[in-house]
C-alpha atoms as a PDB file:
ATOM      1  CA  MET A   1     -74.529 -44.853  46.783  1.00  0.00           C
ATOM      2  CA  TYR A   2     -75.361 -42.424  44.034  1.00  0.00           C
ATOM      3  CA  LEU A   3     -73.305 -40.875  41.273  1.00  0.00           C
ATOM      4  CA  HIS A   4     -73.901 -37.304  40.061  1.00  0.00           C
ATOM      5  CA  ILE A   5     -73.451 -37.265  36.276  1.00  0.00           C
ATOM      6  CA  GLY A   6     -74.293 -33.646  35.499  1.00  0.00           C
ATOM      7  CA  LYS A   7     -77.101 -31.118  35.795  1.00  0.00           C
ATOM      8  CA  ASP A   8     -79.739 -32.653  38.070  1.00  0.00           C
ATOM      9  CA  TYR A   9     -79.056 -36.274  37.137  1.00  0.00           C
ATOM     10  CA  ILE A  10     -77.915 -38.985  39.506  1.00  0.00           C
ATOM     11  CA  VAL A  11     -77.756 -42.746  39.038  1.00  0.00           C
ATOM     12  CA  LYS A  12     -77.350 -45.544  41.539  1.00  0.00           C
ATOM     13  CA  ASN A  13     -73.852 -47.009  41.515  1.00  0.00           C
ATOM     14  CA  ASN A  14     -75.165 -50.577  41.525  1.00  0.00           C
ATOM     15  CA  GLU A  15     -77.165 -49.910  38.319  1.00  0.00           C
ATOM     16  CA  ILE A  16     -74.106 -48.896  36.288  1.00  0.00           C
ATOM     17  CA  ILE A  17     -73.026 -51.477  33.726  1.00  0.00           C
ATOM     18  CA  GLY A  18     -70.273 -49.385  32.176  1.00  0.00           C
ATOM     19  CA  ILE A  19     -68.859 -45.937  31.668  1.00  0.00           C
ATOM     20  CA  PHE A  20     -67.344 -45.392  28.241  1.00  0.00           C
ATOM     21  CA  ASN A  21     -65.331 -42.620  26.639  1.00  0.00           C
ATOM     22  CA  ILE A  22     -67.430 -41.584  23.640  1.00  0.00           C
ATOM     23  CA  ASN A  23     -64.385 -40.686  21.563  1.00  0.00           C
ATOM     24  CA  TYR A  24     -63.096 -44.261  21.814  1.00  0.00           C
ATOM     25  CA  VAL A  25     -66.342 -46.161  21.235  1.00  0.00           C
ATOM     26  CA  LYS A  26     -68.463 -43.971  18.943  1.00  0.00           C
ATOM     27  CA  ASN A  27     -67.218 -45.584  15.734  1.00  0.00           C
ATOM     28  CA  THR A  28     -67.539 -49.211  16.844  1.00  0.00           C
ATOM     29  CA  LYS A  29     -70.333 -51.359  15.473  1.00  0.00           C
ATOM     30  CA  GLU A  30     -71.255 -52.489  19.007  1.00  0.00           C
ATOM     31  CA  TYR A  31     -71.761 -48.928  20.203  1.00  0.00           C
ATOM     32  CA  LYS A  32     -73.756 -47.972  17.121  1.00  0.00           C
ATOM     33  CA  ALA A  33     -76.052 -51.004  17.487  1.00  0.00           C
ATOM     34  CA  MET A  34     -76.571 -50.376  21.211  1.00  0.00           C
ATOM     35  CA  TYR A  35     -77.131 -46.650  20.675  1.00  0.00           C
ATOM     36  CA  ASN A  36     -79.689 -47.239  17.907  1.00  0.00           C
ATOM     37  CA  SER A  37     -81.563 -49.811  19.975  1.00  0.00           C
ATOM     38  CA  LEU A  38     -81.722 -47.548  23.024  1.00  0.00           C
ATOM     39  CA  ASP A  39     -82.613 -44.508  20.927  1.00  0.00           C
ATOM     40  CA  GLU A  40     -85.548 -46.316  19.281  1.00  0.00           C
ATOM     41  CA  ASN A  41     -87.001 -46.988  22.723  1.00  0.00           C
ATOM     42  CA  GLY A  42     -86.359 -43.472  24.009  1.00  0.00           C
ATOM     43  CA  ASP A  43     -83.857 -44.756  26.557  1.00  0.00           C
ATOM     44  CA  ILE A  44     -81.043 -42.288  25.848  1.00  0.00           C
ATOM     45  CA  ILE A  45     -80.863 -39.254  28.086  1.00  0.00           C
ATOM     46  CA  LYS A  46     -78.621 -36.392  27.013  1.00  0.00           C
ATOM     47  CA  VAL A  47     -77.538 -34.755  30.235  1.00  0.00           C
ATOM     48  CA  SER A  48     -75.709 -31.894  28.571  1.00  0.00           C
ATOM     49  CA  ASP A  49     -75.950 -29.813  25.422  1.00  0.00           C
ATOM     50  CA  ASN A  50     -72.169 -29.444  25.365  1.00  0.00           C
ATOM     51  CA  LYS A  51     -69.672 -31.803  23.776  1.00  0.00           C
ATOM     52  CA  ALA A  52     -70.389 -35.398  24.779  1.00  0.00           C
ATOM     53  CA  LYS A  53     -67.534 -37.063  26.642  1.00  0.00           C
ATOM     54  CA  ALA A  54     -68.997 -40.106  28.381  1.00  0.00           C
ATOM     55  CA  PHE A  55     -71.633 -42.735  27.704  1.00  0.00           C
ATOM     56  CA  ILE A  56     -73.015 -44.314  30.887  1.00  0.00           C
ATOM     57  CA  LEU A  57     -74.972 -47.528  30.468  1.00  0.00           C
ATOM     58  CA  THR A  58     -77.298 -48.541  33.313  1.00  0.00           C
ATOM     59  CA  GLU A  59     -79.744 -51.325  33.982  1.00  0.00           C
ATOM     60  CA  ASN A  60     -82.591 -51.386  36.486  1.00  0.00           C
ATOM     61  CA  GLN A  61     -84.966 -54.356  36.692  1.00  0.00           C
ATOM     62  CA  GLY A  62     -83.945 -55.547  33.237  1.00  0.00           C
ATOM     63  CA  LYS A  63     -84.478 -52.128  31.611  1.00  0.00           C
ATOM     64  CA  ARG A  64     -81.414 -50.472  30.123  1.00  0.00           C
ATOM     65  CA  LYS A  65     -80.863 -46.722  29.838  1.00  0.00           C
ATOM     66  CA  ALA A  66     -77.946 -44.676  28.645  1.00  0.00           C
ATOM     67  CA  TYR A  67     -76.842 -41.242  29.726  1.00  0.00           C
ATOM     68  CA  ILE A  68     -74.620 -39.039  27.597  1.00  0.00           C
ATOM     69  CA  THR A  69     -72.772 -36.403  29.568  1.00  0.00           C
ATOM     70  CA  ASN A  70     -70.074 -33.801  29.077  1.00  0.00           C
ATOM     71  CA  ILE A  71     -68.266 -34.951  32.212  1.00  0.00           C
ATOM     72  CA  GLY A  72     -65.156 -36.974  31.423  1.00  0.00           C
ATOM     73  CA  VAL A  73     -64.708 -40.627  32.287  1.00  0.00           C
ATOM     74  CA  ASN A  74     -61.793 -39.876  34.636  1.00  0.00           C
ATOM     75  CA  THR A  75     -63.854 -37.380  36.622  1.00  0.00           C
ATOM     76  CA  ILE A  76     -66.777 -39.783  36.844  1.00  0.00           C
ATOM     77  CA  SER A  77     -64.460 -42.582  37.978  1.00  0.00           C
ATOM     78  CA  LYS A  78     -63.077 -40.385  40.763  1.00  0.00           C
ATOM     79  CA  ARG A  79     -66.620 -39.726  41.988  1.00  0.00           C
ATOM     80  CA  LEU A  80     -67.210 -43.464  42.331  1.00  0.00           C
ATOM     81  CA  ILE A  81     -64.444 -43.869  44.911  1.00  0.00           C
END
């Protein structure tokens, strides 16, 4: 199955490692380290220009990517069902 995360972006459900509320995790050292690592490799995709609400971490064949979207975590979770 696929999950629509905004604009023309979809990700495979089985590639999703986690979906995080940006407001809750943005100040943690773990998030900052992960974000910086992914950003250095160009593996962060900003789906929306609007206010970021969710951080979606995916992995495919050992390669991690992150998507930042303005769709809320609750809405994304409902789409997974």
